[in-house]
Amino acid sequence: MLMKVRIYKPSASAMSSGVAKTKKWVLEHEPRDKKSPEPLMGWSQCKDTLSQVRLKFDSKEAAIEYAHSQGWTAVVANEKAKKIRPRNYMDNFKYVPVESDGA
């Protein structure tokens, strides 16, 4: 049975400006079974336990090498570059004149 895995570098949370949990590459298995609501509580359930496994690697090459050694087909997402705009606390109080409409 041929298994597909996805290798990517996670992006930062929208709720923070830090870089925590974004330095390592993640290998996840593609879901083989769809999620459905659990009858008692209504939570989502899935019979595929591999969808819960997330392996972390220091480099993209290490993750690809591991996937190939296991006989898995890897889909690699390219790393997205983060644009960092330098800002100072003083910029919050900088005077910016209002443009007039010429009337």
PDB file of N, CA and C in Angstrom:
ATOM      1  N   MET A   1       0.844  -1.186   0.000  1.00  0.00           N
ATOM      2  CA  MET A   1       0.000   0.000   0.000  1.00  0.00           C
ATOM      3  C   MET A   1       0.889   1.250   0.000  1.00  0.00           C
ATOM      4  N   LEU A   2       0.662   2.110  -0.945  1.00  0.00           N
ATOM      5  CA  LEU A   2       1.454   3.323  -1.087  1.00  0.00           C
ATOM      6  C   LEU A   2       0.880   4.414  -0.186  1.00  0.00           C
ATOM      7  N   MET A   3       1.734   4.972   0.689  1.00  0.00           N
ATOM      8  CA  MET A   3       1.281   6.011   1.610  1.00  0.00           C
ATOM      9  C   MET A   3       1.842   7.351   1.177  1.00  0.00           C
ATOM     10  N   LYS A   4       1.020   8.382   1.302  1.00  0.00           N
ATOM     11  CA  LYS A   4       1.447   9.732   0.981  1.00  0.00           C
ATOM     12  C   LYS A   4       1.680  10.492   2.275  1.00  0.00           C
ATOM     13  N   VAL A   5       2.760  11.265   2.291  1.00  0.00           N
ATOM     14  CA  VAL A   5       3.033  12.140   3.425  1.00  0.00           C
ATOM     15  C   VAL A   5       3.260  13.542   2.899  1.00  0.00           C
ATOM     16  N   ARG A   6       3.030  14.507   3.765  1.00  0.00           N
ATOM     17  CA  ARG A   6       3.213  15.907   3.419  1.00  0.00           C
ATOM     18  C   ARG A   6       4.320  16.459   4.300  1.00  0.00           C
ATOM     19  N   ILE A   7       5.296  17.138   3.700  1.00  0.00           N
ATOM     20  CA  ILE A   7       6.403  17.738   4.434  1.00  0.00           C
ATOM     21  C   ILE A   7       6.320  19.246   4.237  1.00  0.00           C
ATOM     22  N   TYR A   8       6.323  19.977   5.354  1.00  0.00           N
ATOM     23  CA  TYR A   8       6.213  21.434   5.275  1.00  0.00           C
ATOM     24  C   TYR A   8       6.858  22.062   6.497  1.00  0.00           C
ATOM     25  N   LYS A   9       7.080  23.354   6.423  1.00  0.00           N
ATOM     26  CA  LYS A   9       7.581  24.118   7.558  1.00  0.00           C
ATOM     27  C   LYS A   9       6.424  24.984   8.039  1.00  0.00           C
ATOM     28  N   PRO A  10       5.949  24.784   9.270  1.00  0.00           N
ATOM     29  CA  PRO A  10       4.755  25.507   9.720  1.00  0.00           C
ATOM     30  C   PRO A  10       4.985  27.012   9.826  1.00  0.00           C
ATOM     31  N   SER A  11       3.927  27.758   9.606  1.00  0.00           N
ATOM     32  CA  SER A  11       4.007  29.209   9.725  1.00  0.00           C
ATOM     33  C   SER A  11       3.684  29.626  11.151  1.00  0.00           C
ATOM     34  N   ALA A  12       3.993  30.840  11.479  1.00  0.00           N
ATOM     35  CA  ALA A  12       3.733  31.351  12.821  1.00  0.00           C
ATOM     36  C   ALA A  12       2.236  31.518  13.038  1.00  0.00           C
ATOM     37  N   SER A  13       1.832  31.445  14.265  1.00  0.00           N
ATOM     38  CA  SER A  13       0.434  31.639  14.615  1.00  0.00           C
ATOM     39  C   SER A  13       0.018  33.071  14.306  1.00  0.00           C
ATOM     40  N   ALA A  14      -1.219  33.247  13.917  1.00  0.00           N
ATOM     41  CA  ALA A  14      -1.719  34.588  13.631  1.00  0.00           C
ATOM     42  C   ALA A  14      -1.844  35.419  14.901  1.00  0.00           C
ATOM     43  N   MET A  15      -1.815  34.756  16.047  1.00  0.00           N
ATOM     44  CA  MET A  15      -1.982  35.450  17.314  1.00  0.00           C
ATOM     45  C   MET A  15      -0.660  35.905  17.926  1.00  0.00           C
ATOM     46  N   SER A  16       0.457  35.602  17.277  1.00  0.00           N
ATOM     47  CA  SER A  16       1.738  36.010  17.839  1.00  0.00           C
ATOM     48  C   SER A  16       2.645  36.541  16.740  1.00  0.00           C
ATOM     49  N   SER A  17       3.626  37.317  17.155  1.00  0.00           N
ATOM     50  CA  SER A  17       4.591  37.838  16.194  1.00  0.00           C
ATOM     51  C   SER A  17       5.916  37.112  16.305  1.00  0.00           C
ATOM     52  N   GLY A  18       5.982  36.106  17.158  1.00  0.00           N
ATOM     53  CA  GLY A  18       7.219  35.364  17.366  1.00  0.00           C
ATOM     54  C   GLY A  18       7.428  34.281  16.333  1.00  0.00           C
ATOM     55  N   VAL A  19       8.506  33.529  16.515  1.00  0.00           N
ATOM     56  CA  VAL A  19       8.849  32.464  15.573  1.00  0.00           C
ATOM     57  C   VAL A  19       8.846  31.091  16.257  1.00  0.00           C
ATOM     58  N   ALA A  20       8.158  30.973  17.378  1.00  0.00           N
ATOM     59  CA  ALA A  20       8.102  29.697  18.091  1.00  0.00           C
ATOM     60  C   ALA A  20       7.417  28.637  17.238  1.00  0.00           C
ATOM     61  N   LYS A  21       7.924  27.430  17.273  1.00  0.00           N
ATOM     62  CA  LYS A  21       7.385  26.263  16.564  1.00  0.00           C
ATOM     63  C   LYS A  21       7.417  26.426  15.042  1.00  0.00           C
ATOM     64  N   THR A  22       8.331  27.242  14.525  1.00  0.00           N
ATOM     65  CA  THR A  22       8.434  27.422  13.083  1.00  0.00           C
ATOM     66  C   THR A  22       9.807  27.058  12.553  1.00  0.00           C
ATOM     67  N   LYS A  23      10.681  26.540  13.384  1.00  0.00           N
ATOM     68  CA  LYS A  23      12.049  26.269  12.961  1.00  0.00           C
ATOM     69  C   LYS A  23      12.235  24.861  12.413  1.00  0.00           C
ATOM     70  N   LYS A  24      11.377  23.932  12.755  1.00  0.00           N
ATOM     71  CA  LYS A  24      11.531  22.545  12.328  1.00  0.00           C
ATOM     72  C   LYS A  24      10.571  22.210  11.188  1.00  0.00           C
ATOM     73  N   TRP A  25      10.950  21.218  10.393  1.00  0.00           N
ATOM     74  CA  TRP A  25      10.107  20.719   9.312  1.00  0.00           C
ATOM     75  C   TRP A  25       9.211  19.623   9.862  1.00  0.00           C
ATOM     76  N   VAL A  26       7.969  19.564   9.397  1.00  0.00           N
ATOM     77  CA  VAL A  26       6.972  18.624   9.905  1.00  0.00           C
ATOM     78  C   VAL A  26       6.593  17.635   8.807  1.00  0.00           C
ATOM     79  N   LEU A  27       6.506  16.363   9.188  1.00  0.00           N
ATOM     80  CA  LEU A  27       6.051  15.315   8.278  1.00  0.00           C
ATOM     81  C   LEU A  27       4.712  14.813   8.807  1.00  0.00           C
ATOM     82  N   GLU A  28       3.668  14.916   7.989  1.00  0.00           N
ATOM     83  CA  GLU A  28       2.323  14.457   8.354  1.00  0.00           C
ATOM     84  C   GLU A  28       1.824  13.478   7.309  1.00  0.00           C
ATOM     85  N   HIS A  29       1.059  12.508   7.732  1.00  0.00           N
ATOM     86  CA  HIS A  29       0.445  11.562   6.807  1.00  0.00           C
ATOM     87  C   HIS A  29      -0.825  12.174   6.227  1.00  0.00           C
ATOM     88  N   GLU A  30      -1.052  11.939   4.957  1.00  0.00           N
ATOM     89  CA  GLU A  30      -2.294  12.374   4.334  1.00  0.00           C
ATOM     90  C   GLU A  30      -3.421  11.490   4.868  1.00  0.00           C
ATOM     91  N   PRO A  31      -4.568  12.061   5.196  1.00  0.00           N
ATOM     92  CA  PRO A  31      -5.664  11.246   5.737  1.00  0.00           C
ATOM     93  C   PRO A  31      -6.191  10.244   4.706  1.00  0.00           C
ATOM     94  N   ARG A  32      -6.359   9.008   5.162  1.00  0.00           N
ATOM     95  CA  ARG A  32      -6.902   7.966   4.283  1.00  0.00           C
ATOM     96  C   ARG A  32      -8.399   7.803   4.484  1.00  0.00           C
ATOM     97  N   ASP A  33      -8.914   8.323   5.582  1.00  0.00           N
ATOM     98  CA  ASP A  33     -10.324   8.184   5.914  1.00  0.00           C
ATOM     99  C   ASP A  33     -10.884   9.573   6.206  1.00  0.00           C
ATOM    100  N   LYS A  34     -12.107   9.838   5.809  1.00  0.00           N
ATOM    101  CA  LYS A  34     -12.682  11.153   6.071  1.00  0.00           C
ATOM    102  C   LYS A  34     -13.175  11.233   7.511  1.00  0.00           C
ATOM    103  N   LYS A  35     -13.221  12.451   8.026  1.00  0.00           N
ATOM    104  CA  LYS A  35     -13.703  12.679   9.384  1.00  0.00           C
ATOM    105  C   LYS A  35     -15.221  12.747   9.363  1.00  0.00           C
ATOM    106  N   SER A  36     -15.813  12.263  10.450  1.00  0.00           N
ATOM    107  CA  SER A  36     -17.268  12.286  10.573  1.00  0.00           C
ATOM    108  C   SER A  36     -17.628  12.631  12.006  1.00  0.00           C
ATOM    109  N   PRO A  37     -18.818  13.132  12.244  1.00  0.00           N
ATOM    110  CA  PRO A  37     -19.192  13.470  13.628  1.00  0.00           C
ATOM    111  C   PRO A  37     -19.408  12.218  14.465  1.00  0.00           C
ATOM    112  N   GLU A  38     -18.890  12.253  15.673  1.00  0.00           N
ATOM    113  CA  GLU A  38     -19.048  11.147  16.605  1.00  0.00           C
ATOM    114  C   GLU A  38     -20.481  11.187  17.141  1.00  0.00           C
ATOM    115  N   PRO A  39     -21.189  10.040  17.189  1.00  0.00           N
ATOM    116  CA  PRO A  39     -22.620  10.076  17.491  1.00  0.00           C
ATOM    117  C   PRO A  39     -22.980  10.570  18.896  1.00  0.00           C
ATOM    118  N   LEU A  40     -22.156  10.307  19.902  1.00  0.00           N
ATOM    119  CA  LEU A  40     -22.538  10.664  21.265  1.00  0.00           C
ATOM    120  C   LEU A  40     -22.324  12.154  21.555  1.00  0.00           C
ATOM    121  N   MET A  41     -21.106  12.663  21.313  1.00  0.00           N
ATOM    122  CA  MET A  41     -20.787  14.041  21.684  1.00  0.00           C
ATOM    123  C   MET A  41     -20.791  15.000  20.496  1.00  0.00           C
ATOM    124  N   GLY A  42     -20.716  14.487  19.268  1.00  0.00           N
ATOM    125  CA  GLY A  42     -20.712  15.348  18.102  1.00  0.00           C
ATOM    126  C   GLY A  42     -19.329  15.826  17.691  1.00  0.00           C
ATOM    127  N   TRP A  43     -18.273  15.365  18.400  1.00  0.00           N
ATOM    128  CA  TRP A  43     -16.916  15.727  18.016  1.00  0.00           C
ATOM    129  C   TRP A  43     -16.554  15.013  16.727  1.00  0.00           C
ATOM    130  N   SER A  44     -15.545  15.501  16.033  1.00  0.00           N
ATOM    131  CA  SER A  44     -15.150  14.825  14.794  1.00  0.00           C
ATOM    132  C   SER A  44     -14.302  13.606  15.124  1.00  0.00           C
ATOM    133  N   GLN A  45     -14.570  12.524  14.431  1.00  0.00           N
ATOM    134  CA  GLN A  45     -13.832  11.290  14.651  1.00  0.00           C
ATOM    135  C   GLN A  45     -13.263  10.801  13.328  1.00  0.00           C
ATOM    136  N   CYS A  46     -12.174  10.042  13.425  1.00  0.00           N
ATOM    137  CA  CYS A  46     -11.546   9.475  12.252  1.00  0.00           C
ATOM    138  C   CYS A  46     -10.936   8.138  12.660  1.00  0.00           C
ATOM    139  N   LYS A  47     -11.142   7.120  11.852  1.00  0.00           N
ATOM    140  CA  LYS A  47     -10.625   5.804  12.180  1.00  0.00           C
ATOM    141  C   LYS A  47      -9.150   5.651  11.791  1.00  0.00           C
ATOM    142  N   ASP A  48      -8.600   6.631  11.091  1.00  0.00           N
ATOM    143  CA  ASP A  48      -7.201   6.607  10.666  1.00  0.00           C
ATOM    144  C   ASP A  48      -6.326   7.197  11.770  1.00  0.00           C
ATOM    145  N   THR A  49      -5.598   6.351  12.496  1.00  0.00           N
ATOM    146  CA  THR A  49      -4.773   6.836  13.605  1.00  0.00           C
ATOM    147  C   THR A  49      -3.494   7.512  13.127  1.00  0.00           C
ATOM    148  N   LEU A  50      -3.060   7.254  11.903  1.00  0.00           N
ATOM    149  CA  LEU A  50      -1.850   7.899  11.401  1.00  0.00           C
ATOM    150  C   LEU A  50      -2.048   9.391  11.176  1.00  0.00           C
ATOM    151  N   SER A  51      -3.286   9.842  11.092  1.00  0.00           N
ATOM    152  CA  SER A  51      -3.531  11.273  10.909  1.00  0.00           C
ATOM    153  C   SER A  51      -3.162  12.073  12.160  1.00  0.00           C
ATOM    154  N   GLN A  52      -2.937  11.380  13.282  1.00  0.00           N
ATOM    155  CA  GLN A  52      -2.561  12.043  14.523  1.00  0.00           C
ATOM    156  C   GLN A  52      -1.047  12.156  14.690  1.00  0.00           C
ATOM    157  N   VAL A  53      -0.274  11.499  13.826  1.00  0.00           N
ATOM    158  CA  VAL A  53       1.175  11.463  13.954  1.00  0.00           C
ATOM    159  C   VAL A  53       1.802  12.639  13.215  1.00  0.00           C
ATOM    160  N   ARG A  54       2.650  13.394  13.927  1.00  0.00           N
ATOM    161  CA  ARG A  54       3.408  14.495  13.330  1.00  0.00           C
ATOM    162  C   ARG A  54       4.862  14.320  13.745  1.00  0.00           C
ATOM    163  N   LEU A  55       5.725  14.093  12.780  1.00  0.00           N
ATOM    164  CA  LEU A  55       7.150  13.938  13.049  1.00  0.00           C
ATOM    165  C   LEU A  55       7.864  15.238  12.707  1.00  0.00           C
ATOM    166  N   LYS A  56       8.813  15.644  13.551  1.00  0.00           N
ATOM    167  CA  LYS A  56       9.533  16.897  13.334  1.00  0.00           C
ATOM    168  C   LYS A  56      10.997  16.595  13.019  1.00  0.00           C
ATOM    169  N   PHE A  57      11.548  17.351  12.058  1.00  0.00           N
ATOM    170  CA  PHE A  57      12.918  17.176  11.605  1.00  0.00           C
ATOM    171  C   PHE A  57      13.618  18.519  11.570  1.00  0.00           C
ATOM    172  N   ASP A  58      14.944  18.493  11.730  1.00  0.00           N
ATOM    173  CA  ASP A  58      15.730  19.731  11.702  1.00  0.00           C
ATOM    174  C   ASP A  58      15.873  20.293  10.296  1.00  0.00           C
ATOM    175  N   SER A  59      15.818  19.435   9.273  1.00  0.00           N
ATOM    176  CA  SER A  59      15.983  19.920   7.910  1.00  0.00           C
ATOM    177  C   SER A  59      14.991  19.236   6.971  1.00  0.00           C
ATOM    178  N   LYS A  60      14.757  19.873   5.834  1.00  0.00           N
ATOM    179  CA  LYS A  60      13.853  19.317   4.837  1.00  0.00           C
ATOM    180  C   LYS A  60      14.425  18.030   4.257  1.00  0.00           C
ATOM    181  N   GLU A  61      15.738  18.012   4.053  1.00  0.00           N
ATOM    182  CA  GLU A  61      16.389  16.838   3.486  1.00  0.00           C
ATOM    183  C   GLU A  61      16.250  15.622   4.392  1.00  0.00           C
ATOM    184  N   ALA A  62      16.356  15.837   5.715  1.00  0.00           N
ATOM    185  CA  ALA A  62      16.212  14.734   6.663  1.00  0.00           C
ATOM    186  C   ALA A  62      14.799  14.158   6.619  1.00  0.00           C
ATOM    187  N   ALA A  63      13.806  15.019   6.480  1.00  0.00           N
ATOM    188  CA  ALA A  63      12.418  14.556   6.412  1.00  0.00           C
ATOM    189  C   ALA A  63      12.165  13.774   5.128  1.00  0.00           C
ATOM    190  N   ILE A  64      12.712  14.264   4.015  1.00  0.00           N
ATOM    191  CA  ILE A  64      12.541  13.570   2.734  1.00  0.00           C
ATOM    192  C   ILE A  64      13.249  12.217   2.765  1.00  0.00           C
ATOM    193  N   GLU A  65      14.451  12.194   3.330  1.00  0.00           N
ATOM    194  CA  GLU A  65      15.206  10.944   3.417  1.00  0.00           C
ATOM    195  C   GLU A  65      14.468   9.915   4.273  1.00  0.00           C
ATOM    196  N   TYR A  66      13.885  10.351   5.381  1.00  0.00           N
ATOM    197  CA  TYR A  66      13.128   9.437   6.241  1.00  0.00           C
ATOM    198  C   TYR A  66      11.904   8.885   5.510  1.00  0.00           C
ATOM    199  N   ALA A  67      11.195   9.756   4.796  1.00  0.00           N
ATOM    200  CA  ALA A  67      10.001   9.317   4.067  1.00  0.00           C
ATOM    201  C   ALA A  67      10.368   8.283   3.005  1.00  0.00           C
ATOM    202  N   HIS A  68      11.458   8.515   2.286  1.00  0.00           N
ATOM    203  CA  HIS A  68      11.876   7.571   1.250  1.00  0.00           C
ATOM    204  C   HIS A  68      12.363   6.256   1.862  1.00  0.00           C
ATOM    205  N   SER A  69      12.995   6.327   3.039  1.00  0.00           N
ATOM    206  CA  SER A  69      13.461   5.085   3.676  1.00  0.00           C
ATOM    207  C   SER A  69      12.290   4.221   4.140  1.00  0.00           C
ATOM    208  N   GLN A  70      11.145   4.851   4.399  1.00  0.00           N
ATOM    209  CA  GLN A  70       9.952   4.109   4.806  1.00  0.00           C
ATOM    210  C   GLN A  70       9.124   3.660   3.602  1.00  0.00           C
ATOM    211  N   GLY A  71       9.484   4.130   2.406  1.00  0.00           N
ATOM    212  CA  GLY A  71       8.749   3.770   1.202  1.00  0.00           C
ATOM    213  C   GLY A  71       7.523   4.627   0.970  1.00  0.00           C
ATOM    214  N   TRP A  72       7.498   5.818   1.538  1.00  0.00           N
ATOM    215  CA  TRP A  72       6.361   6.716   1.393  1.00  0.00           C
ATOM    216  C   TRP A  72       6.608   7.707   0.263  1.00  0.00           C
ATOM    217  N   THR A  73       5.530   8.176  -0.352  1.00  0.00           N
ATOM    218  CA  THR A  73       5.611   9.222  -1.358  1.00  0.00           C
ATOM    219  C   THR A  73       5.464  10.561  -0.644  1.00  0.00           C
ATOM    220  N   ALA A  74       6.463  11.434  -0.819  1.00  0.00           N
ATOM    221  CA  ALA A  74       6.466  12.709  -0.099  1.00  0.00           C
ATOM    222  C   ALA A  74       6.089  13.857  -1.015  1.00  0.00           C
ATOM    223  N   VAL A  75       5.197  14.710  -0.524  1.00  0.00           N
ATOM    224  CA  VAL A  75       4.838  15.956  -1.192  1.00  0.00           C
ATOM    225  C   VAL A  75       5.424  17.077  -0.335  1.00  0.00           C
ATOM    226  N   VAL A  76       6.355  17.839  -0.909  1.00  0.00           N
ATOM    227  CA  VAL A  76       7.080  18.854  -0.139  1.00  0.00           C
ATOM    228  C   VAL A  76       6.564  20.238  -0.492  1.00  0.00           C
ATOM    229  N   ALA A  77       6.184  20.991   0.529  1.00  0.00           N
ATOM    230  CA  ALA A  77       5.757  22.381   0.345  1.00  0.00           C
ATOM    231  C   ALA A  77       6.965  23.271   0.583  1.00  0.00           C
ATOM    232  N   ASN A  78       7.188  24.218  -0.304  1.00  0.00           N
ATOM    233  CA  ASN A  78       8.329  25.115  -0.166  1.00  0.00           C
ATOM    234  C   ASN A  78       8.154  26.037   1.030  1.00  0.00           C
ATOM    235  N   GLU A  79       9.274  26.433   1.599  1.00  0.00           N
ATOM    236  CA  GLU A  79       9.264  27.322   2.751  1.00  0.00           C
ATOM    237  C   GLU A  79       8.886  28.726   2.306  1.00  0.00           C
ATOM    238  N   LYS A  80       7.996  29.364   3.053  1.00  0.00           N
ATOM    239  CA  LYS A  80       7.569  30.715   2.727  1.00  0.00           C
ATOM    240  C   LYS A  80       8.429  31.704   3.506  1.00  0.00           C
ATOM    241  N   ALA A  81       8.980  32.679   2.801  1.00  0.00           N
ATOM    242  CA  ALA A  81       9.823  33.679   3.452  1.00  0.00           C
ATOM    243  C   ALA A  81       8.947  34.694   4.175  1.00  0.00           C
ATOM    244  N   LYS A  82       9.322  35.001   5.397  1.00  0.00           N
ATOM    245  CA  LYS A  82       8.567  35.961   6.183  1.00  0.00           C
ATOM    246  C   LYS A  82       9.202  37.336   6.041  1.00  0.00           C
ATOM    247  N   LYS A  83       8.391  38.323   5.715  1.00  0.00           N
ATOM    248  CA  LYS A  83       8.888  39.689   5.595  1.00  0.00           C
ATOM    249  C   LYS A  83       8.823  40.335   6.972  1.00  0.00           C
ATOM    250  N   ILE A  84       9.951  40.848   7.410  1.00  0.00           N
ATOM    251  CA  ILE A  84      10.008  41.499   8.721  1.00  0.00           C
ATOM    252  C   ILE A  84      10.220  42.982   8.499  1.00  0.00           C
ATOM    253  N   ARG A  85       9.234  43.761   8.937  1.00  0.00           N
ATOM    254  CA  ARG A  85       9.337  45.217   8.849  1.00  0.00           C
ATOM    255  C   ARG A  85       9.861  45.737  10.173  1.00  0.00           C
ATOM    256  N   PRO A  86      11.019  46.373  10.182  1.00  0.00           N
ATOM    257  CA  PRO A  86      11.505  46.922  11.448  1.00  0.00           C
ATOM    258  C   PRO A  86      10.631  48.090  11.901  1.00  0.00           C
ATOM    259  N   ARG A  87      10.235  48.057  13.154  1.00  0.00           N
ATOM    260  CA  ARG A  87       9.410  49.121  13.722  1.00  0.00           C
ATOM    261  C   ARG A  87       9.921  49.445  15.107  1.00  0.00           C
ATOM    262  N   ASN A  88       9.781  50.674  15.454  1.00  0.00           N
ATOM    263  CA  ASN A  88      10.140  51.129  16.789  1.00  0.00           C
ATOM    264  C   ASN A  88       8.881  51.553  17.524  1.00  0.00           C
ATOM    265  N   TYR A  89       8.988  51.625  18.842  1.00  0.00           N
ATOM    266  CA  TYR A  89       7.877  52.103  19.652  1.00  0.00           C
ATOM    267  C   TYR A  89       7.564  53.556  19.304  1.00  0.00           C
ATOM    268  N   MET A  90       8.586  54.296  18.921  1.00  0.00           N
ATOM    269  CA  MET A  90       8.424  55.702  18.597  1.00  0.00           C
ATOM    270  C   MET A  90       7.525  55.892  17.370  1.00  0.00           C
ATOM    271  N   ASP A  91       7.474  54.926  16.466  1.00  0.00           N
ATOM    272  CA  ASP A  91       6.644  55.049  15.267  1.00  0.00           C
ATOM    273  C   ASP A  91       5.157  55.160  15.600  1.00  0.00           C
ATOM    274  N   ASN A  92       4.742  54.694  16.763  1.00  0.00           N
ATOM    275  CA  ASN A  92       3.339  54.801  17.167  1.00  0.00           C
ATOM    276  C   ASN A  92       2.916  56.255  17.389  1.00  0.00           C
ATOM    277  N   PHE A  93       3.887  57.138  17.673  1.00  0.00           N
ATOM    278  CA  PHE A  93       3.577  58.523  18.013  1.00  0.00           C
ATOM    279  C   PHE A  93       4.086  59.505  16.962  1.00  0.00           C
ATOM    280  N   LYS A  94       4.508  59.011  15.838  1.00  0.00           N
ATOM    281  CA  LYS A  94       5.058  59.864  14.782  1.00  0.00           C
ATOM    282  C   LYS A  94       3.943  60.697  14.151  1.00  0.00           C
ATOM    283  N   TYR A  95       4.243  61.968  13.921  1.00  0.00           N
ATOM    284  CA  TYR A  95       3.274  62.860  13.296  1.00  0.00           C
ATOM    285  C   TYR A  95       3.285  62.651  11.791  1.00  0.00           C
ATOM    286  N   VAL A  96       2.136  62.365  11.238  1.00  0.00           N
ATOM    287  CA  VAL A  96       1.974  62.233   9.796  1.00  0.00           C
ATOM    288  C   VAL A  96       0.906  63.241   9.382  1.00  0.00           C
ATOM    289  N   PRO A  97       1.298  64.270   8.600  1.00  0.00           N
ATOM    290  CA  PRO A  97       0.304  65.304   8.229  1.00  0.00           C
ATOM    291  C   PRO A  97      -0.792  64.733   7.342  1.00  0.00           C
ATOM    292  N   VAL A  98      -1.984  65.278   7.492  1.00  0.00           N
ATOM    293  CA  VAL A  98      -3.137  64.858   6.707  1.00  0.00           C
ATOM    294  C   VAL A  98      -3.050  65.518   5.334  1.00  0.00           C
ATOM    295  N   GLU A  99      -3.264  64.720   4.286  1.00  0.00           N
ATOM    296  CA  GLU A  99      -3.221  65.264   2.926  1.00  0.00           C
ATOM    297  C   GLU A  99      -4.485  66.076   2.676  1.00  0.00           C
ATOM    298  N   SER A 100      -4.313  67.256   2.105  1.00  0.00           N
ATOM    299  CA  SER A 100      -5.493  68.078   1.768  1.00  0.00           C
ATOM    300  C   SER A 100      -5.961  67.757   0.362  1.00  0.00           C
ATOM    301  N   ASP A 101      -7.229  67.974   0.108  1.00  0.00           N
ATOM    302  CA  ASP A 101      -7.787  67.669  -1.204  1.00  0.00           C
ATOM    303  C   ASP A 101      -7.647  68.839  -2.183  1.00  0.00           C
ATOM    304  N   GLY A 102      -7.024  69.947  -1.759  1.00  0.00           N
ATOM    305  CA  GLY A 102      -6.769  71.083  -2.645  1.00  0.00           C
ATOM    306  C   GLY A 102      -7.926  72.049  -2.746  1.00  0.00           C
ATOM    307  N   ALA A 103      -8.921  71.987  -1.878  1.00  0.00           N
ATOM    308  CA  ALA A 103     -10.077  72.877  -1.957  1.00  0.00           C
ATOM    309  C   ALA A 103      -9.873  74.159  -1.265  1.00  0.00           C
TER     310      ALA A 103
END
